[in-house]
Protein backbone atom coordinates (compact mmCIF):
# COMPACT_ATOMS: atom_id res chain seq x y z
CA ASN A 1 90.42 60.61 168.43
CA VAL A 2 87.23 62.37 169.48
CA LEU A 3 86.85 60.02 172.42
CA ASN A 4 90.40 60.67 173.55
CA ALA A 5 90.12 64.44 173.08
CA ASP A 6 90.67 66.45 176.22
CA HIS A 7 88.42 69.31 175.10
CA ASN A 8 84.82 69.70 174.14
CA GLN A 9 85.32 71.20 170.67
CA PRO A 10 83.17 69.51 167.99
CA VAL A 11 84.79 67.68 165.12
CA SER A 12 83.32 67.88 161.57
CA MET A 13 83.75 65.21 158.94
CA GLU A 14 82.04 63.82 155.83
CA THR A 15 81.26 60.21 155.19
CA LYS A 16 79.49 58.14 152.62
CA LEU A 17 76.88 55.63 153.77
CA ILE A 18 74.88 53.10 151.83
CA ASP A 19 71.10 52.95 152.38
CA ALA A 20 68.91 49.83 152.35
CA LYS A 21 68.44 50.15 148.56
CA GLY A 22 72.16 50.34 147.92
CA HIS A 23 72.27 54.07 147.16
CA ALA A 24 75.17 56.16 148.35
CA ILE A 25 74.28 58.96 150.73
CA TRP A 26 76.75 61.63 151.80
CA PHE A 27 76.47 62.94 155.35
CA GLU A 28 78.18 65.81 157.05
CA LEU A 29 78.80 64.77 160.71
CA LYS A 30 79.49 66.87 163.70
CA LEU A 31 80.90 64.87 166.57
CA LEU A 32 81.54 65.95 170.15
CA PRO A 33 82.25 63.99 173.35
CA HIS A 34 79.32 63.19 175.63
CA HIS A 35 79.50 63.84 179.33
CA LYS A 36 79.40 60.11 179.75
CA PRO A 37 82.83 58.63 179.22
CA GLY A 38 83.15 56.66 175.99
CA SER A 39 80.05 58.29 174.49
CA LEU A 40 79.68 60.66 171.53
CA ILE A 41 76.98 63.02 170.32
CA CYS A 42 76.56 62.85 166.50
CA ILE A 43 74.72 65.38 164.44
CA ALA A 44 74.29 64.22 160.81
CA ARG A 45 73.15 66.28 157.83
CA ASP A 46 72.39 64.86 154.35
CA VAL A 47 74.63 66.70 151.94
CA SER A 48 74.14 64.35 148.95
CA GLN A 49 72.55 67.13 146.82
CA ALA A 50 75.33 69.51 147.64
CA LYS A 51 77.85 66.84 146.73
CA LEU A 52 76.12 66.31 143.36
CA ILE A 53 76.28 70.06 142.70
CA GLU A 54 79.89 70.16 143.74
CA ALA A 55 80.72 67.22 141.49
CA GLU A 56 78.92 68.92 138.61
CA LEU A 57 80.86 72.14 139.21
CA ILE A 58 84.13 70.23 139.31
CA ASN A 59 83.19 68.43 136.10
CA ARG A 60 82.29 71.69 134.36
CA THR A 61 85.48 73.37 135.62
CA THR A 62 87.55 70.40 134.39
CA ASN A 63 85.84 70.53 130.99
CA TYR A 64 86.33 74.34 130.81
CA ARG A 65 89.98 73.84 131.58
CA ILE A 66 90.34 71.19 128.90
CA VAL A 67 88.66 73.42 126.31
CA THR A 68 90.56 76.57 127.18
CA ASP A 69 93.93 74.91 127.57
CA SER A 70 93.59 73.20 124.19
CA ALA A 71 92.18 76.23 122.40
CA MET A 72 94.20 77.60 119.48
CA ASP A 73 93.07 81.17 120.35
CA GLY A 74 94.40 82.99 123.42
CA ILE A 75 92.00 83.65 126.30
CA ILE A 76 92.68 86.37 128.90
CA SER A 77 90.36 87.58 131.67
CA PHE A 78 91.06 90.80 133.63
CA ARG A 79 89.34 92.89 136.28
CA THR A 80 88.10 96.47 135.88
CA ASP A 81 91.40 97.64 137.40
CA ASN A 82 93.04 95.99 134.34
CA ARG A 83 94.81 93.20 136.38
CA ILE A 84 94.86 89.87 134.58
CA THR A 85 93.19 87.04 136.46
CA TYR A 86 93.34 84.21 133.94
CA VAL A 87 95.36 83.22 130.87
CA ASN A 88 95.39 80.06 128.82
CA PRO A 89 98.48 78.43 127.26
CA ALA A 90 97.77 79.91 123.79
CA ALA A 91 97.84 83.45 125.22
CA THR A 92 101.23 82.84 126.77
CA GLU A 93 102.49 81.60 123.36
CA ILE A 94 101.09 84.61 121.54
CA PHE A 95 102.74 87.21 123.84
CA GLY A 96 105.86 85.27 124.84
CA TYR A 97 105.30 85.51 128.59
CA SER A 98 105.00 82.67 131.15
CA HIS A 99 101.68 82.01 132.94
CA SER A 100 103.01 83.41 136.23
CA GLU A 101 104.29 86.55 134.53
CA LEU A 102 100.91 87.34 133.03
CA ILE A 103 98.76 86.68 136.09
CA GLY A 104 98.40 89.89 138.08
CA SER A 105 99.99 92.02 135.38
CA ASN A 106 98.31 94.94 133.67
CA ILE A 107 96.47 94.17 130.41
CA ARG A 108 98.06 97.31 128.95
CA GLU A 109 101.41 95.54 128.91
CA VAL A 110 100.25 93.13 126.21
CA MET A 111 97.42 95.03 124.55
CA PRO A 112 98.05 98.77 124.97
CA GLU A 113 95.59 99.68 122.22
CA ALA A 114 92.67 97.82 123.78
CA LEU A 115 91.86 100.20 126.58
CA GLY A 116 91.99 103.29 124.37
CA ASP A 117 89.65 101.94 121.70
CA ILE A 118 86.38 103.91 121.69
CA ARG A 119 84.58 100.72 120.58
CA LEU A 120 85.37 99.15 123.96
CA ARG A 121 84.15 102.07 126.06
CA ASP A 122 80.90 100.36 127.07
CA LEU A 123 82.73 97.29 128.37
CA TYR A 124 83.82 99.02 131.53
CA GLY A 125 80.36 99.76 132.86
CA THR A 126 79.05 97.23 135.40
CA ALA A 127 75.38 97.91 134.74
CA SER A 128 75.04 95.39 131.90
CA LYS A 129 76.87 92.68 130.06
CA VAL A 130 78.42 93.91 126.86
CA SER A 131 80.30 92.07 124.11
CA VAL A 132 82.33 93.38 121.19
CA ALA A 133 83.40 91.01 118.43
CA LYS A 134 86.45 90.90 116.15
CA ILE A 135 88.32 94.12 116.73
CA THR A 136 91.66 94.29 114.98
CA LEU A 137 94.48 95.82 117.02
CA LYS A 138 98.17 95.47 117.74
CA GLY A 139 99.53 93.35 120.57
CA LEU A 140 102.92 93.80 122.26
CA ARG A 141 105.11 90.76 122.76
CA ARG A 142 107.64 90.37 125.47
CA ASP A 143 110.44 91.15 123.01
CA LYS A 144 108.59 94.45 122.27
CA SER A 145 107.66 93.36 118.76
CA LEU A 146 104.13 94.09 117.55
CA VAL A 147 101.76 91.31 116.51
CA PRO A 148 98.43 91.90 114.69
CA LEU A 149 95.49 90.49 116.62
CA GLU A 150 91.81 89.91 116.13
CA VAL A 151 90.13 90.20 119.53
CA SER A 152 86.59 89.69 120.85
CA PHE A 153 85.66 91.09 124.25
CA ALA A 154 82.86 90.33 126.69
CA SER A 155 82.10 91.69 130.17
CA HIS A 156 80.65 89.40 132.86
CA GLU A 157 80.36 88.78 136.60
CA GLN A 158 82.26 86.13 138.54
CA ASP A 159 82.16 85.71 142.32
CA GLY A 160 80.80 89.21 142.68
CA HIS A 161 83.54 90.77 140.57
CA SER A 162 83.21 92.44 137.20
CA LEU A 163 85.52 90.81 134.63
CA ILE A 164 86.32 91.26 130.99
CA THR A 165 87.33 88.18 128.96
CA CYS A 166 88.90 88.46 125.58
CA ILE A 167 89.41 85.80 122.87
CA ILE A 168 92.63 86.62 120.98
CA ARG A 169 93.63 85.36 117.56
CA ASP A 170 97.05 85.91 116.09
CA ILE A 171 96.46 86.98 112.49
CA SER A 172 100.12 87.35 111.49
CA GLY A 173 99.75 84.57 108.93
CA ARG A 174 96.63 86.12 107.44
CA THR A 175 98.37 89.52 107.33
CA GLN A 176 101.33 87.98 105.53
CA VAL A 177 99.03 86.31 102.95
CA GLU A 178 97.32 89.67 102.37
CA ARG A 179 100.68 91.38 101.90
CA GLU A 180 101.72 88.72 99.42
CA ARG A 181 98.36 89.05 97.62
CA GLU A 182 98.79 92.83 97.39
CA SER A 183 102.31 92.33 96.11
CA LEU A 184 101.08 89.91 93.44
CA GLN A 185 98.30 92.28 92.55
CA THR A 186 100.87 95.11 92.13
CA GLN A 187 103.03 92.87 89.95
CA LEU A 188 100.01 91.93 87.88
CA GLU A 189 99.04 95.56 87.36
CA ALA A 190 102.65 96.36 86.40
CA ALA A 191 102.64 93.50 83.91
CA GLN A 192 99.33 94.69 82.52
CA LYS A 193 100.77 98.20 82.14
CA MET A 194 103.80 96.82 80.34
CA ASP A 195 101.52 94.74 78.11
CA SER A 196 99.58 97.93 77.25
CA ILE A 197 102.83 99.76 76.51
CA GLY A 198 103.86 96.82 74.30
CA GLN A 199 100.58 97.01 72.41
CA LEU A 200 100.97 100.76 72.01
CA SER A 201 104.54 100.57 70.81
CA GLY A 202 103.61 97.75 68.46
CA GLY A 203 100.75 99.80 67.00
CA ILE A 204 103.01 102.81 66.56
CA ALA A 205 105.66 100.68 64.88
CA HIS A 206 103.09 99.23 62.56
CA ASP A 207 101.71 102.60 61.41
CA PHE A 208 105.20 104.13 61.33
CA ASN A 209 106.43 101.32 59.19
CA ASN A 210 103.74 101.91 56.57
CA LEU A 211 104.92 105.51 56.30
CA LEU A 212 108.56 104.47 55.99
CA VAL A 213 107.74 102.00 53.21
CA ALA A 214 106.22 104.81 51.14
CA ILE A 215 109.06 107.26 52.00
CA LEU A 216 111.83 104.81 51.09
CA GLY A 217 110.00 103.53 48.01
CA TYR A 218 109.42 106.91 46.44
CA THR A 219 112.86 108.13 47.45
CA ASP A 220 114.40 105.22 45.53
CA LEU A 221 112.23 106.09 42.54
CA ALA A 222 113.46 109.73 42.74
CA LEU A 223 117.07 108.70 43.05
CA GLN A 224 116.77 106.49 39.94
CA SER A 225 115.02 109.21 37.88
CA GLY A 226 118.26 111.16 37.28
CA THR A 227 117.42 114.39 39.15
CA ARG A 228 119.84 117.25 39.68
CA GLU A 229 122.77 116.61 42.02
CA SER A 230 121.58 118.92 44.82
CA ILE A 231 118.07 117.31 44.89
CA LYS A 232 119.71 113.89 44.79
CA THR A 233 121.77 114.81 47.86
CA TYR A 234 118.58 115.80 49.69
CA LEU A 235 116.89 112.61 48.64
CA GLU A 236 119.83 110.59 49.92
CA GLU A 237 119.50 112.29 53.32
CA ILE A 238 115.76 111.48 53.27
CA ARG A 239 116.59 107.87 52.58
CA LYS A 240 119.11 107.74 55.47
CA ALA A 241 116.45 109.17 57.76
CA GLY A 242 113.99 106.60 56.49
CA GLU A 243 116.48 103.83 57.22
CA ARG A 244 117.05 105.15 60.70
CA GLY A 245 113.27 105.18 61.14
CA THR A 246 113.23 101.58 59.99
CA ASP A 247 115.74 100.66 62.66
CA MET A 248 113.63 102.52 65.23
CA THR A 249 110.62 100.49 64.12
CA GLN A 250 112.48 97.27 64.65
CA LYS A 251 113.49 98.38 68.16
CA LEU A 252 109.86 99.19 68.98
CA LEU A 253 108.74 95.85 67.71
CA ALA A 254 111.49 94.15 69.79
CA PHE A 255 110.41 96.07 72.84
CA SER A 256 106.77 95.08 72.39
CA ARG A 257 107.83 91.51 71.59
CA ARG A 258 104.92 91.21 69.20
CA GLN A 259 104.06 91.82 65.62
CA ILE A 260 100.65 93.45 65.49
CA ILE A 261 98.60 91.58 62.91
CA GLU A 262 95.47 93.07 61.42
CA PRO A 263 94.04 90.42 59.16
CA ARG A 264 91.31 91.37 56.68
CA GLN A 265 89.90 89.95 53.50
CA ILE A 266 92.32 90.48 50.63
CA ASN A 267 92.05 89.72 46.92
CA ALA A 268 95.41 88.40 45.78
CA ASN A 269 95.18 89.91 42.30
CA ASP A 270 94.47 93.37 43.67
CA LEU A 271 97.29 93.17 46.19
CA ILE A 272 99.94 92.10 43.68
CA ASP A 273 98.74 94.57 41.01
CA GLY A 274 98.92 97.38 43.54
CA VAL A 275 102.55 96.64 44.45
CA ARG A 276 103.62 95.78 40.86
CA GLU A 277 104.02 99.35 39.67
CA MET A 278 106.34 100.33 42.47
CA LEU A 279 108.31 97.12 42.10
CA SER A 280 108.82 97.68 38.42
CA ARG A 281 110.36 101.11 39.08
CA LEU A 282 112.68 99.86 41.82
CA LEU A 283 114.11 97.03 39.72
CA PRO A 284 116.74 97.49 37.04
CA ARG A 285 115.44 98.08 33.52
CA ASN A 286 116.82 94.76 32.26
CA ILE A 287 114.32 93.01 34.51
CA GLN A 288 110.70 92.81 33.36
CA ILE A 289 107.78 91.93 35.70
CA ILE A 290 105.05 89.79 34.11
CA PHE A 291 101.91 89.39 36.24
CA ALA A 292 99.41 86.82 35.09
CA GLY A 293 96.34 87.47 37.27
CA GLU A 294 94.11 85.02 35.49
CA ALA A 295 92.83 83.11 38.59
CA GLU A 296 89.46 84.31 39.81
CA GLY A 297 88.28 84.60 43.43
CA VAL A 298 91.64 84.23 45.08
CA ASN A 299 90.56 85.75 48.41
CA PHE A 300 91.98 85.14 51.89
CA MET A 301 92.38 86.68 55.37
CA ALA A 302 95.81 88.23 55.93
CA ASP A 303 97.70 91.28 57.07
CA ILE A 304 98.21 93.39 53.95
CA THR A 305 101.36 95.11 55.29
CA GLN A 306 103.09 91.82 55.94
CA LEU A 307 102.32 90.55 52.45
CA GLU A 308 103.55 93.83 50.89
CA GLN A 309 106.84 93.42 52.75
CA VAL A 310 107.15 89.84 51.55
CA LEU A 311 106.63 90.95 47.94
C-alpha cells in the first residue's frame, strides 16, 4: 500500500520481529516512499520496553477491574466538581441505578450527607492526599428510600485530576440486627421488672398472710368465748375483712406465680407446741389434743409459715 501510495505521507505501524536468540522484539516502523520507484525508507524504533510497560498496565487494569467488579462493597470515584467518574456493580445495586445513570451524575444524588459532613472537609483540598475511614451516613436510593451506609473516603490524583474514591458498605442488615438486639434487651428488662414485681408481691403476700393468720385465729377465739352481742358483731366484721385479706393474698401469690419460701432450721417439738394452744381453742371442746413430744433432736430446714398452715 505504501508503494502504491500517490502521496509522500509516512505510514506508521508496529511489528514483532524475532532476533537471532529467538527473543521477540517489538518495533515501531515509519515507512515512506523513496524517490526511486519501488523503494521505501524505513525508520525503526525498538519499543519492546514500552510494550512491556503497556502490557503490565493492561494486566493491572484487568486485575483491578476483576477485583472491583466482584467486590461486595460499592466503589465510587468522583471529581472535585462532584461528578461521578467510576462506579462498580455493587454500587449500582446499593443505590438502584444503572451504570450509565450514575456515571456523570452528582454524588449528592446518592449520598447527600457526604459533602456536608465536617469530617470530610479536608478531602476537597488538592495539596495532600487525605483518607477518612468508616463514616456512618445515610444514602439515597433511586426509589427515594434511605439506606444506612458505612463509607471510607480517600483523595488521590489520576491523569492530572483530583479524585475522591469512596468504599461503600450497606449496613442495613447490621442495623436490623442491632434493632432486634435492642428490642430483645427491652423485652428482657421488662421481664426482669415483672420478675421483681412478682418477688415484691410474693413477699408482701407472705408477710400479710402471717398477719391474717393471727387476726383470724384470735377472732375465732373471741367469737367462741361468748362475748356480748355487739362485740361479737364487730368481731364478725373483722373476720370478714380478714377473709377478704386472705383472698387478696391468694391473688397476689397468683400474680407473682411463686410461693416465697424462707427455710430455716426448725425444731419440730417447738413448732407443734407453739401451735397447739391456738389449735386447742379453735377446736370443739369434745376434741382433745394430745401432743407426745418425746423424740429428741427432731430438727430440719423448712418454711415455718407453710408448716403452721399445714397444721
